[in-house]
C-alpha atoms as a PDB file:
ATOM      1  CA  MET A   1      -2.728 152.056-124.790  1.00  0.00           C
ATOM      2  CA  VAL A   2      -2.428 149.172-122.340  1.00  0.00           C
ATOM      3  CA  LYS A   3       0.131 151.137-120.311  1.00  0.00           C
ATOM      4  CA  VAL A   4      -2.254 154.106-120.069  1.00  0.00           C
ATOM      5  CA  LYS A   5      -5.042 151.767-118.954  1.00  0.00           C
ATOM      6  CA  TYR A   6      -2.848 150.306-116.200  1.00  0.00           C
ATOM      7  CA  THR A   7      -1.773 153.790-115.098  1.00  0.00           C
ATOM      8  CA  LEU A   8      -5.353 155.028-114.823  1.00  0.00           C
ATOM      9  CA  GLY A   9      -6.362 151.824-113.066  1.00  0.00           C
ATOM     10  CA  SER A  10      -3.524 152.154-110.575  1.00  0.00           C
ATOM     11  CA  ALA A  11      -4.716 155.696-109.799  1.00  0.00           C
ATOM     12  CA  TRP A  12      -7.650 154.143-107.948  1.00  0.00           C
ATOM     13  CA  MET A  13      -5.136 153.344-105.203  1.00  0.00           C
ATOM     14  CA  ILE A  14      -4.637 157.087-104.692  1.00  0.00           C
ATOM     15  CA  VAL A  15      -8.371 157.360-104.038  1.00  0.00           C
ATOM     16  CA  ALA A  16      -8.188 154.374-101.665  1.00  0.00           C
ATOM     17  CA  ALA A  17      -5.167 155.816 -99.832  1.00  0.00           C
ATOM     18  CA  PHE A  18      -6.952 159.135 -99.343  1.00  0.00           C
ATOM     19  CA  LEU A  19     -10.078 157.382 -98.041  1.00  0.00           C
ATOM     20  CA  PHE A  20      -8.057 155.187 -95.659  1.00  0.00           C
ATOM     21  CA  ALA A  21      -6.297 158.308 -94.361  1.00  0.00           C
ATOM     22  CA  LEU A  22      -9.656 160.043 -93.924  1.00  0.00           C
ATOM     23  CA  MET A  23     -10.946 157.016 -92.001  1.00  0.00           C
ATOM     24  CA  ASN A  24      -7.909 157.148 -89.700  1.00  0.00           C
ATOM     25  CA  ILE A  25      -8.464 160.865 -89.141  1.00  0.00           C
ATOM     26  CA  LEU A  26     -12.114 160.283 -88.219  1.00  0.00           C
ATOM     27  CA  VAL A  27     -11.135 157.469 -85.838  1.00  0.00           C
ATOM     28  CA  LYS A  28      -8.548 159.634 -84.106  1.00  0.00           C
ATOM     29  CA  ASN A  29     -10.890 162.609 -83.777  1.00  0.00           C
ATOM     30  CA  ALA A  30     -13.692 160.416 -82.428  1.00  0.00           C
ATOM     31  CA  ALA A  31     -11.338 158.849 -79.886  1.00  0.00           C
ATOM     32  CA  VAL A  32      -9.767 162.121 -78.742  1.00  0.00           C
ATOM     33  CA  GLN A  33     -12.670 164.555 -79.002  1.00  0.00           C
ATOM     34  CA  LEU A  34     -15.611 162.262 -78.149  1.00  0.00           C
ATOM     35  CA  ASP A  35     -13.700 159.858 -75.853  1.00  0.00           C
ATOM     36  CA  MET A  36     -14.893 156.794 -77.789  1.00  0.00           C
ATOM     37  CA  ASN A  37     -13.013 153.556 -77.131  1.00  0.00           C
ATOM     38  CA  PRO A  38     -11.253 151.582 -79.911  1.00  0.00           C
ATOM     39  CA  TYR A  39     -13.731 148.704 -79.606  1.00  0.00           C
ATOM     40  CA  GLU A  40     -16.836 150.647 -80.579  1.00  0.00           C
ATOM     41  CA  LEU A  41     -14.902 152.478 -83.301  1.00  0.00           C
ATOM     42  CA  ALA A  42     -13.819 149.118 -84.730  1.00  0.00           C
ATOM     43  CA  PHE A  43     -17.450 147.976 -84.612  1.00  0.00           C
ATOM     44  CA  TRP A  44     -18.674 150.911 -86.685  1.00  0.00           C
ATOM     45  CA  ARG A  45     -15.743 150.393 -89.071  1.00  0.00           C
ATOM     46  CA  SER A  46     -16.751 146.749 -89.620  1.00  0.00           C
ATOM     47  CA  VAL A  47     -20.521 146.485 -89.400  1.00  0.00           C
ATOM     48  CA  LEU A  48     -21.344 148.549 -92.519  1.00  0.00           C
ATOM     49  CA  PRO A  49     -19.132 146.516 -94.912  1.00  0.00           C
ATOM     50  CA  ALA A  50     -20.506 143.271 -93.434  1.00  0.00           C
ATOM     51  CA  LEU A  51     -24.118 144.380 -93.960  1.00  0.00           C
ATOM     52  CA  MET A  52     -23.464 145.743 -97.458  1.00  0.00           C
ATOM     53  CA  ILE A  53     -21.719 142.587 -98.646  1.00  0.00           C
ATOM     54  CA  PHE A  54     -24.383 140.387 -97.039  1.00  0.00           C
ATOM     55  CA  CYS A  55     -27.179 142.278 -98.832  1.00  0.00           C
ATOM     56  CA  GLY A  56     -25.239 142.243-102.101  1.00  0.00           C
ATOM     57  CA  THR A  57     -24.773 138.491-101.795  1.00  0.00           C
ATOM     58  CA  LEU A  58     -28.525 137.960-101.397  1.00  0.00           C
ATOM     59  CA  ILE A  59     -29.331 140.255-104.325  1.00  0.00           C
ATOM     60  CA  ARG A  60     -26.861 138.475-106.645  1.00  0.00           C
ATOM     61  CA  GLY A  61     -27.995 135.041-105.517  1.00  0.00           C
ATOM     62  CA  GLN A  62     -24.499 134.080-104.339  1.00  0.00           C
ATOM     63  CA  THR A  63     -23.560 132.122-101.240  1.00  0.00           C
ATOM     64  CA  LEU A  64     -21.421 132.828 -98.214  1.00  0.00           C
ATOM     65  CA  LYS A  65     -20.877 129.118 -97.653  1.00  0.00           C
ATOM     66  CA  THR A  66     -17.201 128.214 -97.897  1.00  0.00           C
ATOM     67  CA  PRO A  67     -15.111 125.041 -97.605  1.00  0.00           C
ATOM     68  CA  PHE A  68     -12.333 127.115 -96.026  1.00  0.00           C
ATOM     69  CA  PHE A  69     -14.126 128.283 -92.891  1.00  0.00           C
ATOM     70  CA  LEU A  70     -11.133 127.686 -90.590  1.00  0.00           C
ATOM     71  CA  GLY A  71      -8.873 129.699 -92.892  1.00  0.00           C
ATOM     72  CA  HIS A  72     -11.363 132.568 -92.824  1.00  0.00           C
ATOM     73  CA  MET A  73     -11.476 132.446 -89.035  1.00  0.00           C
ATOM     74  CA  LYS A  74      -7.682 132.587 -88.769  1.00  0.00           C
ATOM     75  CA  ARG A  75      -7.558 135.556 -91.141  1.00  0.00           C
ATOM     76  CA  SER A  76     -10.500 137.281 -89.459  1.00  0.00           C
ATOM     77  CA  VAL A  77      -9.254 136.949 -85.863  1.00  0.00           C
ATOM     78  CA  ALA A  78      -5.769 138.125 -86.844  1.00  0.00           C
ATOM     79  CA  GLY A  79      -7.226 140.994 -88.866  1.00  0.00           C
ATOM     80  CA  THR A  80      -9.572 142.001 -86.047  1.00  0.00           C
ATOM     81  CA  THR A  81      -6.687 142.025 -83.570  1.00  0.00           C
ATOM     82  CA  ALA A  82      -4.666 144.183 -85.959  1.00  0.00           C
ATOM     83  CA  LEU A  83      -7.626 146.544 -86.418  1.00  0.00           C
ATOM     84  CA  LEU A  84      -8.137 146.976 -82.653  1.00  0.00           C
ATOM     85  CA  LEU A  85      -4.417 147.601 -82.096  1.00  0.00           C
ATOM     86  CA  ALA A  86      -4.343 150.117 -84.940  1.00  0.00           C
ATOM     87  CA  PHE A  87      -7.331 151.992 -83.519  1.00  0.00           C
ATOM     88  CA  TYR A  88      -5.714 151.937 -80.074  1.00  0.00           C
ATOM     89  CA  GLY A  89      -2.602 153.512 -81.598  1.00  0.00           C
ATOM     90  CA  LEU A  90      -4.683 156.207 -83.271  1.00  0.00           C
ATOM     91  CA  SER A  91      -6.165 157.137 -79.898  1.00  0.00           C
ATOM     92  CA  GLN A  92      -2.770 157.297 -78.145  1.00  0.00           C
ATOM     93  CA  LEU A  93      -0.102 158.410 -80.640  1.00  0.00           C
ATOM     94  CA  PRO A  94       0.375 161.157 -83.233  1.00  0.00           C
ATOM     95  CA  LEU A  95      -1.508 160.367 -86.440  1.00  0.00           C
ATOM     96  CA  ALA A  96       1.519 159.902 -88.714  1.00  0.00           C
ATOM     97  CA  THR A  97       3.315 157.699 -86.167  1.00  0.00           C
ATOM     98  CA  SER A  98       0.365 155.387 -85.520  1.00  0.00           C
ATOM     99  CA  VAL A  99      -0.483 154.980 -89.226  1.00  0.00           C
ATOM    100  CA  THR A 100       3.148 154.276 -90.111  1.00  0.00           C
ATOM    101  CA  LEU A 101       3.488 151.654 -87.365  1.00  0.00           C
ATOM    102  CA  ASN A 102       0.430 149.934 -88.815  1.00  0.00           C
ATOM    103  CA  TYR A 103       2.190 149.809 -92.199  1.00  0.00           C
ATOM    104  CA  THR A 104       5.197 147.948 -90.780  1.00  0.00           C
ATOM    105  CA  SER A 105       3.399 144.746 -91.782  1.00  0.00           C
ATOM    106  CA  VAL A 106       5.708 144.602 -94.816  1.00  0.00           C
ATOM    107  CA  VAL A 107       8.611 143.979 -92.420  1.00  0.00           C
ATOM    108  CA  PHE A 108       6.818 141.209 -90.566  1.00  0.00           C
ATOM    109  CA  ILE A 109       5.595 139.626 -93.808  1.00  0.00           C
ATOM    110  CA  ALA A 110       9.234 139.294 -94.849  1.00  0.00           C
ATOM    111  CA  ILE A 111      10.158 137.792 -91.466  1.00  0.00           C
ATOM    112  CA  LEU A 112       7.215 135.362 -91.461  1.00  0.00           C
ATOM    113  CA  SER A 113       7.931 134.351 -95.057  1.00  0.00           C
ATOM    114  CA  ILE A 114      11.503 133.461 -94.122  1.00  0.00           C
ATOM    115  CA  VAL A 115      10.888 131.862 -90.707  1.00  0.00           C
ATOM    116  CA  TRP A 116       7.383 130.394 -91.031  1.00  0.00           C
ATOM    117  CA  LEU A 117       6.942 129.714 -94.771  1.00  0.00           C
ATOM    118  CA  LYS A 118      10.626 128.787 -95.260  1.00  0.00           C
ATOM    119  CA  GLU A 119      10.815 130.911 -98.414  1.00  0.00           C
ATOM    120  CA  THR A 120      14.228 131.760 -99.853  1.00  0.00           C
ATOM    121  CA  PRO A 121      14.583 135.542 -99.508  1.00  0.00           C
ATOM    122  CA  SER A 122      15.475 137.585-102.557  1.00  0.00           C
ATOM    123  CA  LEU A 123      17.698 140.637-102.634  1.00  0.00           C
ATOM    124  CA  LYS A 124      14.539 142.736-102.747  1.00  0.00           C
ATOM    125  CA  THR A 125      13.191 141.026 -99.620  1.00  0.00           C
ATOM    126  CA  TRP A 126      16.431 141.552 -97.683  1.00  0.00           C
ATOM    127  CA  THR A 127      16.566 145.213 -98.757  1.00  0.00           C
ATOM    128  CA  ALA A 128      12.965 145.876 -97.748  1.00  0.00           C
ATOM    129  CA  LEU A 129      13.430 144.010 -94.464  1.00  0.00           C
ATOM    130  CA  LEU A 130      16.564 145.911 -93.448  1.00  0.00           C
ATOM    131  CA  MET A 131      15.089 149.273 -94.468  1.00  0.00           C
ATOM    132  CA  GLY A 132      11.895 148.519 -92.581  1.00  0.00           C
ATOM    133  CA  LEU A 133      13.738 147.418 -89.447  1.00  0.00           C
ATOM    134  CA  ALA A 134      15.855 150.570 -89.611  1.00  0.00           C
ATOM    135  CA  GLY A 135      12.671 152.644 -89.868  1.00  0.00           C
ATOM    136  CA  ILE A 136      11.152 150.884 -86.861  1.00  0.00           C
ATOM    137  CA  CYS A 137      14.302 151.467 -84.804  1.00  0.00           C
ATOM    138  CA  LEU A 138      14.300 155.161 -85.712  1.00  0.00           C
ATOM    139  CA  MET A 139      10.640 155.489 -84.716  1.00  0.00           C
ATOM    140  CA  LEU A 140      11.192 153.632 -81.444  1.00  0.00           C
ATOM    141  CA  LYS A 141      14.060 155.908 -80.385  1.00  0.00           C
ATOM    142  CA  PRO A 142      11.828 158.893 -79.486  1.00  0.00           C
ATOM    143  CA  ALA A 143       9.448 156.477 -77.721  1.00  0.00           C
ATOM    144  CA  PHE A 144      12.273 155.268 -75.467  1.00  0.00           C
ATOM    145  CA  GLU A 145      12.956 158.879 -74.533  1.00  0.00           C
ATOM    146  CA  SER A 146       9.306 159.662 -73.729  1.00  0.00           C
ATOM    147  CA  ASP A 147       6.409 158.119 -71.837  1.00  0.00           C
ATOM    148  CA  ARG A 148       4.914 156.580 -75.001  1.00  0.00           C
ATOM    149  CA  LEU A 149       7.017 153.419 -75.246  1.00  0.00           C
ATOM    150  CA  ILE A 150       4.265 150.982 -74.178  1.00  0.00           C
ATOM    151  CA  GLU A 151       1.709 152.582 -76.500  1.00  0.00           C
ATOM    152  CA  THR A 152       4.216 152.484 -79.374  1.00  0.00           C
ATOM    153  CA  LEU A 153       5.093 148.818 -78.838  1.00  0.00           C
ATOM    154  CA  ILE A 154       1.408 147.851 -78.579  1.00  0.00           C
ATOM    155  CA  THR A 155       0.655 149.653 -81.840  1.00  0.00           C
ATOM    156  CA  LEU A 156       3.713 148.131 -83.498  1.00  0.00           C
ATOM    157  CA  SER A 157       2.521 144.639 -82.567  1.00  0.00           C
ATOM    158  CA  GLY A 158      -0.477 145.286 -84.787  1.00  0.00           C
ATOM    159  CA  GLY A 159       1.888 145.039 -87.756  1.00  0.00           C
ATOM    160  CA  ILE A 160       2.596 141.411 -86.826  1.00  0.00           C
ATOM    161  CA  PHE A 161      -1.099 140.499 -86.831  1.00  0.00           C
ATOM    162  CA  THR A 162      -1.616 142.425 -90.080  1.00  0.00           C
ATOM    163  CA  ALA A 163       1.211 140.453 -91.675  1.00  0.00           C
ATOM    164  CA  PHE A 164      -0.299 137.133 -90.595  1.00  0.00           C
ATOM    165  CA  ALA A 165      -3.738 138.215 -91.841  1.00  0.00           C
ATOM    166  CA  LEU A 166      -2.346 139.243 -95.237  1.00  0.00           C
ATOM    167  CA  LEU A 167      -0.507 135.947 -95.632  1.00  0.00           C
ATOM    168  CA  GLN A 168      -3.756 134.162 -94.833  1.00  0.00           C
ATOM    169  CA  VAL A 169      -5.563 136.306 -97.413  1.00  0.00           C
ATOM    170  CA  ARG A 170      -2.979 135.223 -99.987  1.00  0.00           C
ATOM    171  CA  ALA A 171      -3.526 131.575 -99.062  1.00  0.00           C
ATOM    172  CA  LEU A 172      -7.324 131.927 -99.341  1.00  0.00           C
ATOM    173  CA  SER A 173      -6.963 133.672-102.718  1.00  0.00           C
ATOM    174  CA  PHE A 174      -4.793 130.832-104.011  1.00  0.00           C
ATOM    175  CA  MET A 175      -7.556 128.429-102.920  1.00  0.00           C
ATOM    176  CA  GLY A 176     -10.008 130.324-105.128  1.00  0.00           C
ATOM    177  CA  GLU A 177     -11.898 132.335-102.527  1.00  0.00           C
ATOM    178  CA  PRO A 178     -13.339 135.594-103.953  1.00  0.00           C
ATOM    179  CA  ALA A 179     -12.221 138.856-102.354  1.00  0.00           C
ATOM    180  CA  TRP A 180     -15.770 139.847-101.330  1.00  0.00           C
ATOM    181  CA  ARG A 181     -16.186 136.669 -99.283  1.00  0.00           C
ATOM    182  CA  ILE A 182     -12.836 137.206 -97.540  1.00  0.00           C
ATOM    183  CA  VAL A 183     -13.813 140.795 -96.709  1.00  0.00           C
ATOM    184  CA  PHE A 184     -17.256 139.694 -95.471  1.00  0.00           C
ATOM    185  CA  TYR A 185     -15.963 137.129 -92.982  1.00  0.00           C
ATOM    186  CA  PHE A 186     -13.358 139.569 -91.690  1.00  0.00           C
ATOM    187  CA  SER A 187     -15.906 142.367 -91.308  1.00  0.00           C
ATOM    188  CA  ALA A 188     -18.484 140.094 -89.653  1.00  0.00           C
ATOM    189  CA  VAL A 189     -15.992 138.628 -87.171  1.00  0.00           C
ATOM    190  CA  ALA A 190     -14.520 142.076 -86.445  1.00  0.00           C
ATOM    191  CA  ALA A 191     -18.011 143.494 -85.824  1.00  0.00           C
ATOM    192  CA  ALA A 192     -18.915 140.617 -83.487  1.00  0.00           C
ATOM    193  CA  ILE A 193     -15.684 140.669 -81.456  1.00  0.00           C
ATOM    194  CA  SER A 194     -15.550 144.460 -81.189  1.00  0.00           C
ATOM    195  CA  ALA A 195     -19.248 144.583 -80.173  1.00  0.00           C
ATOM    196  CA  ILE A 196     -18.576 142.164 -77.306  1.00  0.00           C
ATOM    197  CA  LEU A 197     -15.531 144.153 -76.159  1.00  0.00           C
ATOM    198  CA  ALA A 198     -17.375 147.471 -76.525  1.00  0.00           C
ATOM    199  CA  THR A 199     -20.228 146.128 -74.388  1.00  0.00           C
ATOM    200  CA  TRP A 200     -17.680 145.175 -71.735  1.00  0.00           C
ATOM    201  CA  ALA A 201     -15.893 148.536 -71.911  1.00  0.00           C
ATOM    202  CA  GLY A 202     -19.041 150.628 -72.296  1.00  0.00           C
ATOM    203  CA  TRP A 203     -20.714 152.172 -75.335  1.00  0.00           C
ATOM    204  CA  GLN A 204     -20.985 155.891 -75.913  1.00  0.00           C
ATOM    205  CA  SER A 205     -24.525 157.032 -76.633  1.00  0.00           C
ATOM    206  CA  LEU A 206     -25.066 158.022 -80.242  1.00  0.00           C
ATOM    207  CA  THR A 207     -25.603 161.766 -80.579  1.00  0.00           C
ATOM    208  CA  LEU A 208     -25.930 164.260 -83.411  1.00  0.00           C
ATOM    209  CA  GLU A 209     -22.249 165.009 -82.825  1.00  0.00           C
ATOM    210  CA  SER A 210     -21.023 161.401 -82.957  1.00  0.00           C
ATOM    211  CA  LEU A 211     -23.330 160.049 -85.684  1.00  0.00           C
ATOM    212  CA  PRO A 212     -21.402 161.644 -88.594  1.00  0.00           C
ATOM    213  CA  TYR A 213     -18.204 160.054 -87.267  1.00  0.00           C
ATOM    214  CA  MET A 214     -19.781 156.593 -87.122  1.00  0.00           C
ATOM    215  CA  ILE A 215     -21.238 156.857 -90.617  1.00  0.00           C
ATOM    216  CA  GLY A 216     -18.016 158.410 -91.893  1.00  0.00           C
ATOM    217  CA  ILE A 217     -15.767 155.705 -90.412  1.00  0.00           C
ATOM    218  CA  GLY A 218     -17.892 152.887 -91.841  1.00  0.00           C
ATOM    219  CA  GLY A 219     -18.437 154.621 -95.177  1.00  0.00           C
ATOM    220  CA  THR A 220     -14.842 155.614 -95.833  1.00  0.00           C
ATOM    221  CA  GLY A 221     -13.632 152.178 -94.743  1.00  0.00           C
ATOM    222  CA  LEU A 222     -16.015 150.473 -97.173  1.00  0.00           C
ATOM    223  CA  LEU A 223     -15.296 152.835-100.093  1.00  0.00           C
ATOM    224  CA  ALA A 224     -11.548 152.589 -99.475  1.00  0.00           C
ATOM    225  CA  GLN A 225     -11.768 148.783 -99.540  1.00  0.00           C
ATOM    226  CA  LEU A 226     -13.725 148.875-102.815  1.00  0.00           C
ATOM    227  CA  ALA A 227     -11.323 151.367-104.419  1.00  0.00           C
ATOM    228  CA  MET A 228      -8.302 149.312-103.343  1.00  0.00           C
ATOM    229  CA  THR A 229      -9.833 146.093-104.675  1.00  0.00           C
ATOM    230  CA  HIS A 230     -10.635 147.790-107.995  1.00  0.00           C
ATOM    231  CA  ALA A 231      -7.110 149.207-108.192  1.00  0.00           C
ATOM    232  CA  TYR A 232      -5.560 145.759-107.808  1.00  0.00           C
ATOM    233  CA  HIS A 233      -8.014 144.407-110.385  1.00  0.00           C
ATOM    234  CA  VAL A 234      -7.444 146.957-113.173  1.00  0.00           C
ATOM    235  CA  GLY A 235      -4.066 148.470-112.252  1.00  0.00           C
ATOM    236  CA  GLN A 236      -0.429 147.393-112.239  1.00  0.00           C
ATOM    237  CA  LYS A 237      -0.067 145.559-108.940  1.00  0.00           C
ATOM    238  CA  PHE A 238       3.453 146.815-108.151  1.00  0.00           C
ATOM    239  CA  THR A 239       2.416 150.429-108.755  1.00  0.00           C
ATOM    240  CA  VAL A 240      -0.753 149.944-106.722  1.00  0.00           C
ATOM    241  CA  ALA A 241       1.170 148.457-103.782  1.00  0.00           C
ATOM    242  CA  ALA A 242       3.615 151.377-103.791  1.00  0.00           C
ATOM    243  CA  LEU A 243       0.815 153.969-104.013  1.00  0.00           C
ATOM    244  CA  SER A 244      -0.872 152.439-100.956  1.00  0.00           C
ATOM    245  CA  TYR A 245       1.755 154.160 -98.793  1.00  0.00           C
ATOM    246  CA  LEU A 246       0.247 157.518 -99.708  1.00  0.00           C
ATOM    247  CA  THR A 247      -2.062 156.855 -96.761  1.00  0.00           C
ATOM    248  CA  VAL A 248       0.902 157.591 -94.475  1.00  0.00           C
ATOM    249  CA  VAL A 249       1.689 160.786 -96.393  1.00  0.00           C
ATOM    250  CA  PHE A 250      -1.909 162.032 -96.299  1.00  0.00           C
ATOM    251  CA  ALA A 251      -2.168 161.263 -92.575  1.00  0.00           C
ATOM    252  CA  ALA A 252       1.123 163.024 -91.833  1.00  0.00           C
ATOM    253  CA  ILE A 253       0.067 166.143 -93.758  1.00  0.00           C
ATOM    254  CA  TYR A 254      -3.227 166.327 -91.881  1.00  0.00           C
ATOM    255  CA  GLY A 255      -1.567 165.729 -88.517  1.00  0.00           C
ATOM    256  CA  VAL A 256       1.000 168.479 -88.995  1.00  0.00           C
ATOM    257  CA  VAL A 257      -1.065 171.076 -90.884  1.00  0.00           C
ATOM    258  CA  PHE A 258      -4.518 170.705 -89.326  1.00  0.00           C
ATOM    259  CA  ALA A 259      -4.061 168.914 -85.997  1.00  0.00           C
ATOM    260  CA  GLY A 260      -0.977 170.814 -84.860  1.00  0.00           C
ATOM    261  CA  GLU A 261       1.077 167.652 -84.298  1.00  0.00           C
ATOM    262  CA  THR A 262       4.860 167.855 -84.355  1.00  0.00           C
ATOM    263  CA  ILE A 263       7.120 165.193 -85.843  1.00  0.00           C
ATOM    264  CA  GLY A 264      10.814 165.112 -84.999  1.00  0.00           C
ATOM    265  CA  LEU A 265      13.531 164.574 -87.608  1.00  0.00           C
ATOM    266  CA  ILE A 266      14.267 161.052 -86.367  1.00  0.00           C
ATOM    267  CA  GLU A 267      10.595 160.099 -86.651  1.00  0.00           C
ATOM    268  CA  VAL A 268      10.439 161.596 -90.162  1.00  0.00           C
ATOM    269  CA  LEU A 269      13.442 159.500 -91.186  1.00  0.00           C
ATOM    270  CA  GLY A 270      11.782 156.428 -89.684  1.00  0.00           C
ATOM    271  CA  ILE A 271       8.543 157.096 -91.565  1.00  0.00           C
ATOM    272  CA  VAL A 272      10.459 157.582 -94.830  1.00  0.00           C
ATOM    273  CA  ALA A 273      12.398 154.350 -94.266  1.00  0.00           C
ATOM    274  CA  VAL A 274       9.189 152.362 -93.691  1.00  0.00           C
ATOM    275  CA  ILE A 275       7.587 153.879 -96.810  1.00  0.00           C
ATOM    276  CA  LEU A 276      10.676 153.068 -98.905  1.00  0.00           C
ATOM    277  CA  ALA A 277      10.655 149.518 -97.523  1.00  0.00           C
ATOM    278  CA  GLY A 278       7.074 149.162 -98.707  1.00  0.00           C
ATOM    279  CA  VAL A 279       7.890 150.583-102.143  1.00  0.00           C
ATOM    280  CA  VAL A 280      10.886 148.252-102.507  1.00  0.00           C
ATOM    281  CA  SER A 281       8.790 145.247-101.461  1.00  0.00           C
ATOM    282  CA  SER A 282       6.271 146.097-104.194  1.00  0.00           C
ATOM    283  CA  LEU A 283       8.882 145.928-106.973  1.00  0.00           C
ATOM    284  CA  PRO A 284       9.036 142.891-109.283  1.00  0.00           C
ATOM    285  CA  GLU A 285      10.811 139.930-107.703  1.00  0.00           C
ATOM    286  CA  LYS A 286      14.434 139.243-108.576  1.00  0.00           C
ATOM    287  CA  LYS A 287      15.988 136.201-106.989  1.00  0.00           C
ATOM    288  CA  MET A 288      19.486 136.227-105.565  1.00  0.00           C
ATOM    289  CA  ASP A 289      22.020 134.012-107.345  1.00  0.00           C
END
């Protein structure tokens, strides 16, 4: 009975993965079809969650005051940078490629854990790291042979900032910070920074054509975050972490079937390697002797 409960709980990650993929699709379409810049797209992605959590906090009589303000700022700035780089990649690269490069954070988490946190790597960590690096190399090969190398490297760098942000989230969680407060500070900082950058770059006027994209990006981002949080709360965390990579699969299917994008064999192998690295990293830890 408990196993069934965990299985059903973990299935919420499938919902989250689909919603994250839908958000990425909306971002890409808004950037390509409506010529919206990544800054204003990041603003609309962030402002709705910030407002919703703020209102919910007031209704429940909770407080946003925290003794770990500096930790929140580190996480929020790193997360905002990662978000902007991811949205830039969505505007410049094929959907499956840009989403996969954003999911290379598992590789950089392993590297940062070894180099920065001085953690002793397990066999699982080494396996995931090598598979992830192999996937990145495979995905970079077509970029070297095309005119997309700079865009690919910029998008890939987002994985580094995502890794740092996730490690900071882990640290804040260990300190006792609730998930909703972590998400609020990230969303608020991301909305503020992206609004400043969008003002500098120039806002697109809201129209009947663009309004559904803005609402959709903010709404799917918020619902995806809630579904993911619920999945980790009621599901089996290793299963949930592995299912999160369905976002890449959903994005790839849409890109190929509906957007007419083509993915070469080498890129497919790279995407598969990155997904497998993420699945391996989500398995229970087993230390090397």
